[in-house]
Every structure is written in structure tokens, then in C-alpha cells.
């Protein structure tokens, strides 16, 4: 089974090897037929501590590292503003 890849923005650095990222998706509201944004936060394992707040990153699914960490950093797509 292929591993899921998610792309989002880093909003917080939590500890030395953990980053919090938010993934935004747009869905059609069932009643009002308007596009609305939905958000979900993920904890990402960042072994080398490369991610900074504001970066756009891609993460890949891996074995559970802790209770809520099941993704690891794959690549930094775009660096955030310094």
C-alpha cells in the first residue's frame, strides 16, 4: 500500500525534532454550495531540525513515532519568509 504524502505549512516548532504543520483543503458545502476551507494539524518528525515556521513542506507517512506523530519530513518545498 502506498504511503500518504501531505503538503502544508509549518506553524510551530515543538521541541527539537517535532514540527506542527497545518494542511488546508477546500470542500464544497453540502447545503450552500460554497467553497469552504477545512484545516487539520499534524505533528511531523524532523530528525535534523531543518523546518522553520512559515516553510511549506511535504511529509510522508511512516510508522508511529509517538502517540500523535505518524509522519516524517520528506522535503522542504518552499522556504518561509525570514
C-alpha atoms as a PDB file:
ATOM      1  CA  UNK A   1       0.000   0.000   0.000  1.00  0.00           C
ATOM      2  CA  UNK A   2       1.470   3.396  -0.952  1.00  0.00           C
ATOM      3  CA  UNK A   3       2.286   5.836   1.805  1.00  0.00           C
ATOM      4  CA  UNK A   4       0.321   9.060   2.046  1.00  0.00           C
ATOM      5  CA  UNK A   5       2.062  12.351   1.325  1.00  0.00           C
ATOM      6  CA  UNK A   6       0.708  15.602   2.693  1.00  0.00           C
ATOM      7  CA  UNK A   7       1.754  19.165   1.933  1.00  0.00           C
ATOM      8  CA  UNK A   8       1.227  22.066   4.300  1.00  0.00           C
ATOM      9  CA  UNK A   9       2.710  24.972   6.200  1.00  0.00           C
ATOM     10  CA  UNK A  10       4.746  24.795   9.403  1.00  0.00           C
ATOM     11  CA  UNK A  11       3.042  26.841  12.124  1.00  0.00           C
ATOM     12  CA  UNK A  12       5.039  25.844  15.203  1.00  0.00           C
ATOM     13  CA  UNK A  13       8.275  24.153  16.213  1.00  0.00           C
ATOM     14  CA  UNK A  14       7.550  21.906  19.200  1.00  0.00           C
ATOM     15  CA  UNK A  15      10.762  20.559  20.675  1.00  0.00           C
ATOM     16  CA  UNK A  16      13.972  19.665  18.865  1.00  0.00           C
ATOM     17  CA  UNK A  17      12.667  17.119  16.354  1.00  0.00           C
ATOM     18  CA  UNK A  18       8.974  17.951  16.058  1.00  0.00           C
ATOM     19  CA  UNK A  19       7.163  20.484  13.894  1.00  0.00           C
ATOM     20  CA  UNK A  20       3.441  21.205  13.740  1.00  0.00           C
ATOM     21  CA  UNK A  21       2.042  21.689  10.266  1.00  0.00           C
ATOM     22  CA  UNK A  22      -1.412  22.660   9.090  1.00  0.00           C
ATOM     23  CA  UNK A  23      -2.946  21.168   5.947  1.00  0.00           C
ATOM     24  CA  UNK A  24      -5.675  23.200   4.273  1.00  0.00           C
ATOM     25  CA  UNK A  25      -8.214  21.749   1.869  1.00  0.00           C
ATOM     26  CA  UNK A  26     -11.192  23.278   0.114  1.00  0.00           C
ATOM     27  CA  UNK A  27     -14.519  21.471   0.027  1.00  0.00           C
ATOM     28  CA  UNK A  28     -17.956  22.322  -1.293  1.00  0.00           C
ATOM     29  CA  UNK A  29     -20.528  22.997   1.429  1.00  0.00           C
ATOM     30  CA  UNK A  30     -23.380  20.488   1.034  1.00  0.00           C
ATOM     31  CA  UNK A  31     -26.217  22.941   1.583  1.00  0.00           C
ATOM     32  CA  UNK A  32     -24.902  26.342   0.487  1.00  0.00           C
ATOM     33  CA  UNK A  33     -22.730  25.119  -2.433  1.00  0.00           C
ATOM     34  CA  UNK A  34     -19.958  27.473  -1.447  1.00  0.00           C
ATOM     35  CA  UNK A  35     -16.282  26.558  -1.239  1.00  0.00           C
ATOM     36  CA  UNK A  36     -15.137  26.496   2.395  1.00  0.00           C
ATOM     37  CA  UNK A  37     -11.711  25.832   3.914  1.00  0.00           C
ATOM     38  CA  UNK A  38     -11.059  22.914   6.236  1.00  0.00           C
ATOM     39  CA  UNK A  39      -7.879  22.622   8.326  1.00  0.00           C
ATOM     40  CA  UNK A  40      -6.105  19.765  10.057  1.00  0.00           C
ATOM     41  CA  UNK A  41      -2.932  19.850  12.142  1.00  0.00           C
ATOM     42  CA  UNK A  42      -0.276  17.138  12.004  1.00  0.00           C
ATOM     43  CA  UNK A  43       2.858  16.567  14.063  1.00  0.00           C
ATOM     44  CA  UNK A  44       5.852  15.927  11.820  1.00  0.00           C
ATOM     45  CA  UNK A  45       9.093  14.190  12.819  1.00  0.00           C
ATOM     46  CA  UNK A  46      12.002  16.387  11.708  1.00  0.00           C
ATOM     47  CA  UNK A  47      15.180  14.435  12.519  1.00  0.00           C
ATOM     48  CA  UNK A  48      17.667  17.163  11.533  1.00  0.00           C
ATOM     49  CA  UNK A  49      15.621  20.166  12.676  1.00  0.00           C
ATOM     50  CA  UNK A  50      15.543  21.751   9.211  1.00  0.00           C
ATOM     51  CA  UNK A  51      11.955  23.066   9.158  1.00  0.00           C
ATOM     52  CA  UNK A  52      11.259  26.640  10.226  1.00  0.00           C
ATOM     53  CA  UNK A  53       7.985  28.437  10.887  1.00  0.00           C
ATOM     54  CA  UNK A  54       6.392  29.533   7.603  1.00  0.00           C
ATOM     55  CA  UNK A  55       8.019  26.850   5.435  1.00  0.00           C
ATOM     56  CA  UNK A  56       5.889  24.838   3.031  1.00  0.00           C
ATOM     57  CA  UNK A  57       6.830  21.185   3.488  1.00  0.00           C
ATOM     58  CA  UNK A  58       5.906  17.728   2.278  1.00  0.00           C
ATOM     59  CA  UNK A  59       5.617  14.895   4.786  1.00  0.00           C
ATOM     60  CA  UNK A  60       5.282  11.147   4.237  1.00  0.00           C
ATOM     61  CA  UNK A  61       3.513   8.583   6.377  1.00  0.00           C
ATOM     62  CA  UNK A  62       5.715   6.309   8.493  1.00  0.00           C
ATOM     63  CA  UNK A  63       5.493   4.007  11.481  1.00  0.00           C
ATOM     64  CA  UNK A  64       4.106   5.595  14.666  1.00  0.00           C
ATOM     65  CA  UNK A  65       6.907   7.522  16.372  1.00  0.00           C
ATOM     66  CA  UNK A  66       4.758   8.666  19.284  1.00  0.00           C
ATOM     67  CA  UNK A  67       1.067   8.902  20.145  1.00  0.00           C
ATOM     68  CA  UNK A  68       0.325  11.612  17.554  1.00  0.00           C
ATOM     69  CA  UNK A  69       3.429  11.543  15.294  1.00  0.00           C
ATOM     70  CA  UNK A  70       2.984   9.273  12.263  1.00  0.00           C
ATOM     71  CA  UNK A  71       4.523  11.484   9.550  1.00  0.00           C
ATOM     72  CA  UNK A  72       8.139  12.410   8.878  1.00  0.00           C
ATOM     73  CA  UNK A  73       9.600  15.286   6.909  1.00  0.00           C
ATOM     74  CA  UNK A  74      10.227  14.393   3.267  1.00  0.00           C
ATOM     75  CA  UNK A  75      11.298  17.743   1.788  1.00  0.00           C
ATOM     76  CA  UNK A  76      11.031  21.488   2.180  1.00  0.00           C
ATOM     77  CA  UNK A  77       9.139  22.713  -0.874  1.00  0.00           C
ATOM     78  CA  UNK A  78       9.427  26.444  -0.225  1.00  0.00           C
ATOM     79  CA  UNK A  79      11.263  28.347   2.485  1.00  0.00           C
ATOM     80  CA  UNK A  80       9.208  30.793   4.529  1.00  0.00           C
ATOM     81  CA  UNK A  81       9.929  34.475   4.838  1.00  0.00           C
ATOM     82  CA  UNK A  82      12.806  35.147   7.215  1.00  0.00           C
END
